[in-house]
C-alpha atoms as a PDB file:
ATOM      1  CA  MET A   1      48.045  40.484  67.437  1.00  0.00           C
ATOM      2  CA  THR A   2      50.460  42.384  65.233  1.00  0.00           C
ATOM      3  CA  GLU A   3      53.725  43.769  66.513  1.00  0.00           C
ATOM      4  CA  PHE A   4      53.744  47.450  65.636  1.00  0.00           C
ATOM      5  CA  PRO A   5      56.944  48.721  63.943  1.00  0.00           C
ATOM      6  CA  VAL A   6      58.799  50.950  66.385  1.00  0.00           C
ATOM      7  CA  ASP A   7      60.459  53.088  63.706  1.00  0.00           C
ATOM      8  CA  GLY A   8      57.582  53.275  61.221  1.00  0.00           C
ATOM      9  CA  LEU A   9      54.896  54.950  63.307  1.00  0.00           C
ATOM     10  CA  ALA A  10      54.752  58.518  64.591  1.00  0.00           C
ATOM     11  CA  ARG A  11      55.040  58.917  68.340  1.00  0.00           C
ATOM     12  CA  SER A  12      53.474  61.687  70.352  1.00  0.00           C
ATOM     13  CA  ILE A  13      51.802  62.408  73.645  1.00  0.00           C
ATOM     14  CA  VAL A  14      48.891  59.968  73.598  1.00  0.00           C
ATOM     15  CA  HIS A  15      45.830  60.879  75.671  1.00  0.00           C
ATOM     16  CA  GLY A  16      44.717  57.277  76.012  1.00  0.00           C
ATOM     17  CA  ASP A  17      40.954  57.736  75.834  1.00  0.00           C
ATOM     18  CA  PRO A  18      40.082  60.816  73.802  1.00  0.00           C
ATOM     19  CA  ARG A  19      36.325  61.090  73.395  1.00  0.00           C
ATOM     20  CA  SER A  20      33.559  63.609  73.949  1.00  0.00           C
ATOM     21  CA  VAL A  21      33.209  62.964  77.695  1.00  0.00           C
ATOM     22  CA  ASN A  22      36.876  63.960  78.078  1.00  0.00           C
ATOM     23  CA  ALA A  23      36.576  67.194  76.098  1.00  0.00           C
ATOM     24  CA  LEU A  24      35.381  70.691  76.884  1.00  0.00           C
ATOM     25  CA  PHE A  25      33.433  72.470  74.149  1.00  0.00           C
ATOM     26  CA  HIS A  26      32.605  76.074  73.306  1.00  0.00           C
ATOM     27  CA  ASN A  27      30.341  76.831  70.319  1.00  0.00           C
ATOM     28  CA  HIS A  28      30.610  73.190  69.184  1.00  0.00           C
ATOM     29  CA  GLN A  29      34.429  73.393  69.078  1.00  0.00           C
ATOM     30  CA  VAL A  30      36.753  71.384  71.296  1.00  0.00           C
ATOM     31  CA  THR A  31      38.597  73.845  73.510  1.00  0.00           C
ATOM     32  CA  ALA A  32      40.363  71.445  75.885  1.00  0.00           C
ATOM     33  CA  LEU A  33      40.914  67.791  76.708  1.00  0.00           C
ATOM     34  CA  ILE A  34      40.602  66.644  80.307  1.00  0.00           C
ATOM     35  CA  ASP A  35      41.195  63.351  82.161  1.00  0.00           C
ATOM     36  CA  TRP A  36      44.870  62.858  81.381  1.00  0.00           C
ATOM     37  CA  GLU A  37      45.427  59.875  83.694  1.00  0.00           C
ATOM     38  CA  GLU A  38      45.938  57.451  80.754  1.00  0.00           C
ATOM     39  CA  THR A  39      48.521  59.714  79.091  1.00  0.00           C
ATOM     40  CA  THR A  40      51.813  58.322  77.819  1.00  0.00           C
ATOM     41  CA  ILE A  41      54.250  58.665  74.944  1.00  0.00           C
ATOM     42  CA  GLY A  42      53.049  56.245  72.309  1.00  0.00           C
ATOM     43  CA  PHE A  43      51.909  55.714  68.746  1.00  0.00           C
ATOM     44  CA  SER A  44      49.722  58.584  67.556  1.00  0.00           C
ATOM     45  CA  ILE A  45      47.375  56.272  65.660  1.00  0.00           C
ATOM     46  CA  PHE A  46      46.169  54.748  68.943  1.00  0.00           C
ATOM     47  CA  ASP A  47      44.410  58.003  69.848  1.00  0.00           C
ATOM     48  CA  LEU A  48      43.062  58.250  66.297  1.00  0.00           C
ATOM     49  CA  ALA A  49      41.821  54.651  66.533  1.00  0.00           C
ATOM     50  CA  HIS A  50      40.153  55.450  69.861  1.00  0.00           C
ATOM     51  CA  LEU A  51      38.456  58.485  68.305  1.00  0.00           C
ATOM     52  CA  ALA A  52      37.292  56.354  65.384  1.00  0.00           C
ATOM     53  CA  ILE A  53      35.709  53.829  67.735  1.00  0.00           C
ATOM     54  CA  PHE A  54      34.019  56.281  70.093  1.00  0.00           C
ATOM     55  CA  GLY A  55      33.382  59.120  67.639  1.00  0.00           C
ATOM     56  CA  CYS A  56      32.014  57.174  64.697  1.00  0.00           C
ATOM     57  CA  LEU A  57      29.378  55.102  66.407  1.00  0.00           C
ATOM     58  CA  ASN A  58      25.918  56.578  66.347  1.00  0.00           C
ATOM     59  CA  GLY A  59      24.176  54.406  68.906  1.00  0.00           C
ATOM     60  CA  GLN A  60      24.955  50.887  67.682  1.00  0.00           C
ATOM     61  CA  GLU A  61      25.481  51.993  64.076  1.00  0.00           C
ATOM     62  CA  PHE A  62      28.786  52.874  62.428  1.00  0.00           C
ATOM     63  CA  ASP A  63      28.617  56.321  60.799  1.00  0.00           C
ATOM     64  CA  SER A  64      30.917  56.377  57.759  1.00  0.00           C
ATOM     65  CA  GLN A  65      30.353  60.128  57.263  1.00  0.00           C
ATOM     66  CA  ARG A  66      31.687  60.823  60.751  1.00  0.00           C
ATOM     67  CA  PHE A  67      34.617  58.494  60.132  1.00  0.00           C
ATOM     68  CA  ASN A  68      35.547  60.224  56.860  1.00  0.00           C
ATOM     69  CA  ALA A  69      35.211  63.650  58.533  1.00  0.00           C
ATOM     70  CA  LEU A  70      37.437  62.485  61.408  1.00  0.00           C
ATOM     71  CA  ILE A  71      40.173  61.229  59.073  1.00  0.00           C
ATOM     72  CA  ASP A  72      39.947  64.320  56.841  1.00  0.00           C
ATOM     73  CA  GLY A  73      40.083  66.623  59.877  1.00  0.00           C
ATOM     74  CA  TYR A  74      43.050  64.771  61.331  1.00  0.00           C
ATOM     75  CA  GLN A  75      44.904  64.897  58.028  1.00  0.00           C
ATOM     76  CA  SER A  76      44.200  68.627  57.655  1.00  0.00           C
ATOM     77  CA  ILE A  77      46.613  69.011  60.597  1.00  0.00           C
ATOM     78  CA  ARG A  78      48.994  66.113  59.957  1.00  0.00           C
ATOM     79  CA  ASP A  79      49.094  63.590  57.136  1.00  0.00           C
ATOM     80  CA  LEU A  80      49.177  59.972  58.177  1.00  0.00           C
ATOM     81  CA  TRP A  81      52.459  58.252  57.444  1.00  0.00           C
ATOM     82  CA  THR A  82      52.472  55.260  55.082  1.00  0.00           C
ATOM     83  CA  GLU A  83      53.055  52.848  57.965  1.00  0.00           C
ATOM     84  CA  GLU A  84      50.254  54.467  59.976  1.00  0.00           C
ATOM     85  CA  ARG A  85      47.879  53.815  57.094  1.00  0.00           C
ATOM     86  CA  ARG A  86      49.130  50.250  56.869  1.00  0.00           C
ATOM     87  CA  TYR A  87      48.638  49.536  60.583  1.00  0.00           C
ATOM     88  CA  PHE A  88      45.529  51.639  61.254  1.00  0.00           C
ATOM     89  CA  GLU A  89      43.041  48.767  61.124  1.00  0.00           C
ATOM     90  CA  GLU A  90      45.226  46.717  63.465  1.00  0.00           C
ATOM     91  CA  ALA A  91      45.424  49.714  65.830  1.00  0.00           C
ATOM     92  CA  VAL A  92      41.601  49.905  65.823  1.00  0.00           C
ATOM     93  CA  ARG A  93      41.337  46.205  66.680  1.00  0.00           C
ATOM     94  CA  TYR A  94      43.978  46.593  69.415  1.00  0.00           C
ATOM     95  CA  VAL A  95      42.254  49.611  71.011  1.00  0.00           C
ATOM     96  CA  ALA A  96      38.844  47.898  70.778  1.00  0.00           C
ATOM     97  CA  CYS A  97      40.173  44.739  72.420  1.00  0.00           C
ATOM     98  CA  VAL A  98      41.947  46.609  75.230  1.00  0.00           C
ATOM     99  CA  THR A  99      38.856  48.755  75.847  1.00  0.00           C
ATOM    100  CA  TYR A 100      36.658  45.660  75.906  1.00  0.00           C
ATOM    101  CA  LEU A 101      38.917  44.012  78.482  1.00  0.00           C
ATOM    102  CA  TRP A 102      38.830  47.198  80.571  1.00  0.00           C
ATOM    103  CA  LEU A 103      35.016  47.202  80.452  1.00  0.00           C
ATOM    104  CA  ILE A 104      34.853  43.581  81.580  1.00  0.00           C
ATOM    105  CA  LEU A 105      37.376  44.084  84.394  1.00  0.00           C
ATOM    106  CA  ARG A 106      35.621  47.152  85.743  1.00  0.00           C
ATOM    107  CA  GLU A 107      32.164  45.600  85.498  1.00  0.00           C
ATOM    108  CA  ASP A 108      30.346  45.950  88.791  1.00  0.00           C
ATOM    109  CA  PRO A 109      27.711  43.293  89.458  1.00  0.00           C
ATOM    110  CA  ASP A 110      25.823  45.851  91.539  1.00  0.00           C
ATOM    111  CA  GLU A 111      25.354  48.130  88.486  1.00  0.00           C
ATOM    112  CA  GLY A 112      22.550  45.938  87.239  1.00  0.00           C
ATOM    113  CA  GLU A 113      21.850  43.652  84.346  1.00  0.00           C
ATOM    114  CA  LEU A 114      21.545  46.377  81.684  1.00  0.00           C
ATOM    115  CA  GLU A 115      25.057  47.732  82.318  1.00  0.00           C
ATOM    116  CA  ALA A 116      26.525  44.223  82.442  1.00  0.00           C
ATOM    117  CA  HIS A 117      24.806  43.304  79.167  1.00  0.00           C
ATOM    118  CA  TRP A 118      26.081  46.488  77.480  1.00  0.00           C
ATOM    119  CA  ALA A 119      29.675  45.876  78.622  1.00  0.00           C
ATOM    120  CA  SER A 120      29.559  42.221  77.577  1.00  0.00           C
ATOM    121  CA  ASN A 121      28.325  43.021  74.074  1.00  0.00           C
ATOM    122  CA  TRP A 122      30.200  46.296  73.461  1.00  0.00           C
ATOM    123  CA  TYR A 123      33.075  44.800  71.469  1.00  0.00           C
ATOM    124  CA  TRP A 124      30.882  42.656  69.264  1.00  0.00           C
ATOM    125  CA  ASN A 125      28.662  45.602  68.345  1.00  0.00           C
ATOM    126  CA  LEU A 126      31.612  47.661  67.081  1.00  0.00           C
ATOM    127  CA  ALA A 127      32.016  45.962  63.697  1.00  0.00           C
ATOM    128  CA  VAL A 128      35.645  47.119  63.633  1.00  0.00           C
ATOM    129  CA  ASP A 129      36.017  45.772  60.107  1.00  0.00           C
ATOM    130  CA  ARG A 130      34.156  48.877  58.892  1.00  0.00           C
ATOM    131  CA  LEU A 131      36.750  51.272  60.344  1.00  0.00           C
ATOM    132  CA  LYS A 132      38.954  51.216  57.250  1.00  0.00           C
ATOM    133  CA  LEU A 133      40.995  54.016  55.716  1.00  0.00           C
ATOM    134  CA  ALA A 134      40.378  54.767  52.056  1.00  0.00           C
ATOM    135  CA  THR A 135      43.346  53.676  49.953  1.00  0.00           C
END
């Protein structure tokens, strides 16, 4: 795993697991984020990486149109720094790995075989190599 450069990446309030289940919507627009228990001060690209993982999968398929829209929308507010671009793919792998470990640790044998199978295969179905920024 890569060591992220402390001085080269933007820091901000990081939600920790931004995704649609943690957002309130009005007329298809996000109006608020909820579930702030994972919040910390950290590298901004971790939230972006989390959004890329959870927002760009359409079922089991990676949706490159969604990914491009996510990056374009993000950069309409704040351009990614050079180091953020450089370390984005590593941030995606890091967030995917940590999320996978969380899924395994929280797995409840009483939830049934389907849930256990989904959690066990979640990481491998991501194809994180496709979550790449355009150069």
